[in-house]
């Protein structure tokens, strides 16, 4: 391999912002934010919205994505079907 063309492959901490879980793995990702890990060393930290610690597929928990809110918003915007059918007659 050529020297000087590859990104640095070093330890980085990934932090799941939805549940607070942290993972220290090697990666080529970089960040200006840092965190002190359990071993006392400082590592760059990258914030994630979803990881294996919070994703429903891995945790087995089903979360509803506020379908009720979507239905209410739709009915508010377009009205209910029964009201529309009575107006058409």
N, C-alpha and C. Protein backbone atom coordinates (compact mmCIF):
# COMPACT_ATOMS: atom_id res chain seq x y z
N UNK A 1 0.84 -1.18 0.00
CA UNK A 1 0.00 0.00 0.00
C UNK A 1 0.88 1.25 0.00
N UNK A 2 0.41 2.27 -0.67
CA UNK A 2 1.15 3.53 -0.70
C UNK A 2 1.03 4.24 0.63
N UNK A 3 2.10 4.83 1.03
CA UNK A 3 2.12 5.59 2.28
C UNK A 3 1.52 6.97 2.07
N UNK A 4 0.79 7.47 3.10
CA UNK A 4 0.31 8.83 3.10
C UNK A 4 -1.00 9.09 2.38
N UNK A 5 -1.62 8.08 1.78
CA UNK A 5 -2.88 8.33 1.07
C UNK A 5 -4.09 7.76 1.81
N UNK A 6 -3.87 6.98 2.84
CA UNK A 6 -4.96 6.34 3.56
C UNK A 6 -5.31 7.12 4.82
N UNK A 7 -6.61 7.19 5.17
CA UNK A 7 -6.99 7.90 6.40
C UNK A 7 -6.51 7.14 7.63
N UNK A 8 -6.36 7.85 8.72
CA UNK A 8 -5.91 7.25 9.98
C UNK A 8 -7.00 6.32 10.51
N UNK A 9 -6.60 5.12 10.89
CA UNK A 9 -7.52 4.11 11.42
C UNK A 9 -7.23 3.99 12.91
N UNK A 10 -8.03 4.69 13.72
CA UNK A 10 -7.75 4.79 15.15
C UNK A 10 -9.02 4.56 15.95
N UNK A 11 -8.87 4.52 17.27
CA UNK A 11 -10.04 4.33 18.14
C UNK A 11 -10.91 5.58 18.18
N UNK A 12 -12.23 5.36 18.11
CA UNK A 12 -13.22 6.43 18.14
C UNK A 12 -14.36 5.94 19.02
N UNK A 13 -15.00 6.85 19.76
CA UNK A 13 -16.16 6.51 20.58
C UNK A 13 -17.41 6.97 19.85
N UNK A 14 -18.35 6.03 19.66
CA UNK A 14 -19.65 6.35 19.08
C UNK A 14 -20.65 6.40 20.22
N UNK A 15 -21.42 7.51 20.31
CA UNK A 15 -22.38 7.69 21.39
C UNK A 15 -23.79 7.76 20.80
N UNK A 16 -24.68 6.88 21.30
CA UNK A 16 -26.08 6.88 20.88
C UNK A 16 -26.81 7.94 21.69
N UNK A 17 -27.30 8.98 21.03
CA UNK A 17 -27.94 10.09 21.75
C UNK A 17 -29.33 9.74 22.26
N UNK A 18 -29.97 8.70 21.71
CA UNK A 18 -31.32 8.37 22.15
C UNK A 18 -31.33 7.56 23.44
N UNK A 19 -30.28 6.77 23.70
CA UNK A 19 -30.28 5.98 24.94
C UNK A 19 -29.01 6.18 25.77
N UNK A 20 -28.01 6.87 25.25
CA UNK A 20 -26.81 7.16 26.02
C UNK A 20 -25.74 6.09 25.96
N UNK A 21 -25.93 5.04 25.18
CA UNK A 21 -24.93 3.97 25.08
C UNK A 21 -23.71 4.48 24.33
N UNK A 22 -22.52 4.00 24.72
CA UNK A 22 -21.28 4.38 24.05
C UNK A 22 -20.53 3.13 23.63
N UNK A 23 -19.86 3.22 22.48
CA UNK A 23 -19.07 2.12 21.93
C UNK A 23 -17.72 2.66 21.51
N UNK A 24 -16.65 1.96 21.89
CA UNK A 24 -15.31 2.35 21.45
C UNK A 24 -14.85 1.31 20.45
N UNK A 25 -14.69 1.74 19.22
CA UNK A 25 -14.22 0.85 18.16
C UNK A 25 -13.23 1.61 17.29
N UNK A 26 -12.55 0.89 16.43
CA UNK A 26 -11.63 1.53 15.50
C UNK A 26 -12.38 1.96 14.26
N UNK A 27 -12.04 3.14 13.77
CA UNK A 27 -12.73 3.69 12.61
C UNK A 27 -11.86 4.75 11.96
N UNK A 28 -12.22 5.11 10.74
CA UNK A 28 -11.54 6.22 10.06
C UNK A 28 -12.29 7.53 10.26
N UNK A 29 -13.44 7.50 10.94
CA UNK A 29 -14.21 8.72 11.22
C UNK A 29 -13.45 9.59 12.21
N UNK A 30 -13.61 10.90 12.05
CA UNK A 30 -12.96 11.84 12.97
C UNK A 30 -13.99 12.84 13.47
N UNK A 31 -13.66 13.51 14.56
CA UNK A 31 -14.54 14.50 15.14
C UNK A 31 -13.71 15.47 15.96
N UNK A 32 -14.21 16.70 16.10
CA UNK A 32 -13.53 17.68 16.94
C UNK A 32 -13.92 17.52 18.40
N UNK A 33 -15.08 16.88 18.65
CA UNK A 33 -15.50 16.62 20.03
C UNK A 33 -14.71 15.44 20.58
N UNK A 34 -14.38 15.50 21.87
CA UNK A 34 -13.64 14.41 22.51
C UNK A 34 -14.34 13.98 23.78
N UNK A 35 -13.99 12.78 24.23
CA UNK A 35 -14.54 12.23 25.46
C UNK A 35 -13.44 11.42 26.14
N UNK A 36 -13.46 11.42 27.46
CA UNK A 36 -12.51 10.61 28.22
C UNK A 36 -13.16 9.26 28.47
N UNK A 37 -12.52 8.19 28.00
CA UNK A 37 -13.05 6.84 28.11
C UNK A 37 -12.67 6.24 29.45
N UNK A 38 -13.18 5.05 29.76
CA UNK A 38 -12.95 4.38 31.04
C UNK A 38 -11.47 4.12 31.30
N UNK A 39 -10.67 3.95 30.26
CA UNK A 39 -9.25 3.67 30.45
C UNK A 39 -8.43 4.93 30.71
N UNK A 40 -9.08 6.10 30.73
CA UNK A 40 -8.40 7.36 31.02
C UNK A 40 -7.90 8.09 29.79
N UNK A 41 -7.97 7.47 28.63
CA UNK A 41 -7.53 8.12 27.40
C UNK A 41 -8.65 8.96 26.80
N UNK A 42 -8.26 9.96 26.02
CA UNK A 42 -9.21 10.84 25.35
C UNK A 42 -9.35 10.39 23.90
N UNK A 43 -10.61 10.22 23.46
CA UNK A 43 -10.90 9.77 22.11
C UNK A 43 -11.90 10.73 21.45
N UNK A 44 -11.87 10.82 20.12
CA UNK A 44 -12.91 11.59 19.43
C UNK A 44 -14.26 10.89 19.62
N UNK A 45 -15.34 11.67 19.72
CA UNK A 45 -16.67 11.10 19.92
C UNK A 45 -17.56 11.52 18.76
N UNK A 46 -18.34 10.57 18.26
CA UNK A 46 -19.28 10.81 17.17
C UNK A 46 -20.66 10.45 17.67
N UNK A 47 -21.60 11.39 17.59
CA UNK A 47 -22.96 11.18 18.06
C UNK A 47 -23.81 10.52 16.98
N UNK A 48 -24.57 9.50 17.38
CA UNK A 48 -25.47 8.78 16.49
C UNK A 48 -26.90 8.94 16.95
N UNK A 49 -27.85 8.96 16.02
CA UNK A 49 -29.26 9.00 16.38
C UNK A 49 -29.76 7.62 16.78
N UNK A 50 -29.32 6.58 16.07
CA UNK A 50 -29.77 5.22 16.32
C UNK A 50 -28.57 4.29 16.23
N UNK A 51 -28.50 3.33 17.14
CA UNK A 51 -27.47 2.30 17.10
C UNK A 51 -28.12 0.97 17.45
N UNK A 52 -27.31 -0.06 17.57
CA UNK A 52 -27.86 -1.37 17.94
C UNK A 52 -28.42 -1.37 19.35
N UNK A 53 -28.03 -0.41 20.18
CA UNK A 53 -28.55 -0.34 21.55
C UNK A 53 -29.96 0.25 21.60
N UNK A 54 -30.38 0.97 20.56
CA UNK A 54 -31.69 1.61 20.61
C UNK A 54 -32.60 1.24 19.45
N UNK A 55 -32.10 0.56 18.43
CA UNK A 55 -32.93 0.22 17.27
C UNK A 55 -33.91 -0.89 17.63
N UNK A 56 -35.19 -0.76 17.26
CA UNK A 56 -36.20 -1.77 17.62
C UNK A 56 -35.88 -3.17 17.11
N UNK A 57 -35.19 -3.30 15.99
CA UNK A 57 -34.86 -4.63 15.47
C UNK A 57 -33.94 -5.38 16.42
N UNK A 58 -32.99 -4.68 17.03
CA UNK A 58 -32.03 -5.31 17.92
C UNK A 58 -32.53 -5.41 19.35
N UNK A 59 -33.35 -4.46 19.79
CA UNK A 59 -33.82 -4.47 21.17
C UNK A 59 -35.08 -5.31 21.34
N UNK A 60 -35.82 -5.55 20.27
CA UNK A 60 -37.06 -6.32 20.37
C UNK A 60 -38.24 -5.50 20.81
N UNK A 61 -38.06 -4.22 21.04
CA UNK A 61 -39.16 -3.34 21.46
C UNK A 61 -39.78 -2.71 20.22
N UNK A 62 -41.09 -2.68 20.20
CA UNK A 62 -41.79 -2.02 19.11
C UNK A 62 -42.21 -0.64 19.57
N UNK A 63 -41.86 0.36 18.82
CA UNK A 63 -42.27 1.73 19.13
C UNK A 63 -43.21 2.19 18.02
N UNK A 64 -44.31 2.76 18.41
CA UNK A 64 -45.24 3.32 17.43
C UNK A 64 -44.74 4.69 17.02
N UNK A 65 -44.84 4.97 15.77
CA UNK A 65 -44.35 6.23 15.25
C UNK A 65 -45.51 7.21 15.16
N UNK A 66 -46.17 7.40 16.25
CA UNK A 66 -47.29 8.34 16.40
C UNK A 66 -48.24 8.30 15.21
N UNK A 67 -48.73 7.10 14.90
CA UNK A 67 -49.69 6.95 13.81
C UNK A 67 -50.99 7.68 14.13
N UNK A 68 -51.34 7.72 15.42
CA UNK A 68 -52.55 8.43 15.81
C UNK A 68 -52.43 9.91 15.47
N UNK A 69 -51.27 10.46 15.67
CA UNK A 69 -51.05 11.86 15.34
C UNK A 69 -51.17 12.12 13.85
N UNK A 70 -50.71 11.17 13.05
CA UNK A 70 -50.82 11.32 11.60
C UNK A 70 -52.27 11.27 11.15
N UNK A 71 -53.05 10.34 11.73
CA UNK A 71 -54.46 10.22 11.37
C UNK A 71 -55.21 11.49 11.75
N UNK A 72 -54.96 11.99 12.94
CA UNK A 72 -55.62 13.22 13.38
C UNK A 72 -55.26 14.39 12.48
N UNK A 73 -54.00 14.47 12.10
CA UNK A 73 -53.57 15.55 11.22
C UNK A 73 -54.23 15.43 9.84
N UNK A 74 -54.36 14.18 9.34
CA UNK A 74 -55.01 13.96 8.05
C UNK A 74 -56.48 14.35 8.12
N UNK A 75 -57.17 13.93 9.19
CA UNK A 75 -58.59 14.26 9.33
C UNK A 75 -58.79 15.75 9.51
N UNK A 76 -57.91 16.39 10.20
CA UNK A 76 -58.02 17.84 10.37
C UNK A 76 -57.82 18.55 9.03
N UNK A 77 -56.91 18.05 8.24
CA UNK A 77 -56.60 18.68 6.97
C UNK A 77 -57.68 18.43 5.91
N UNK A 78 -58.17 17.18 5.83
CA UNK A 78 -59.10 16.82 4.76
C UNK A 78 -60.50 16.50 5.25
N UNK A 79 -60.73 16.46 6.54
CA UNK A 79 -62.05 16.14 7.07
C UNK A 79 -62.31 14.64 7.05
N UNK A 80 -63.35 14.23 7.73
CA UNK A 80 -63.65 12.80 7.77
C UNK A 80 -64.43 12.39 6.53
N UNK A 81 -64.42 11.12 6.21
CA UNK A 81 -65.08 10.60 5.01
C UNK A 81 -66.59 10.70 5.14
N UNK A 82 -67.13 10.45 6.34
CA UNK A 82 -68.58 10.48 6.52
C UNK A 82 -69.14 11.88 6.27
N UNK A 83 -68.44 12.90 6.63
CA UNK A 83 -68.90 14.26 6.41
C UNK A 83 -68.91 14.59 4.92
N UNK A 84 -67.93 14.11 4.20
CA UNK A 84 -67.84 14.37 2.77
C UNK A 84 -68.97 13.65 2.01
N UNK A 85 -69.29 12.40 2.42
CA UNK A 85 -70.32 11.65 1.70
C UNK A 85 -71.70 12.26 1.93
N UNK A 86 -71.97 12.84 3.09
CA UNK A 86 -73.27 13.46 3.34
C UNK A 86 -73.42 14.76 2.56
N UNK A 87 -72.32 15.45 2.31
CA UNK A 87 -72.37 16.69 1.54
C UNK A 87 -72.62 16.43 0.05
N UNK A 88 -72.21 15.26 -0.43
CA UNK A 88 -72.32 14.94 -1.85
C UNK A 88 -73.76 14.63 -2.24
N UNK A 89 -74.63 14.22 -1.33
CA UNK A 89 -76.01 13.84 -1.66
C UNK A 89 -76.90 14.98 -1.86
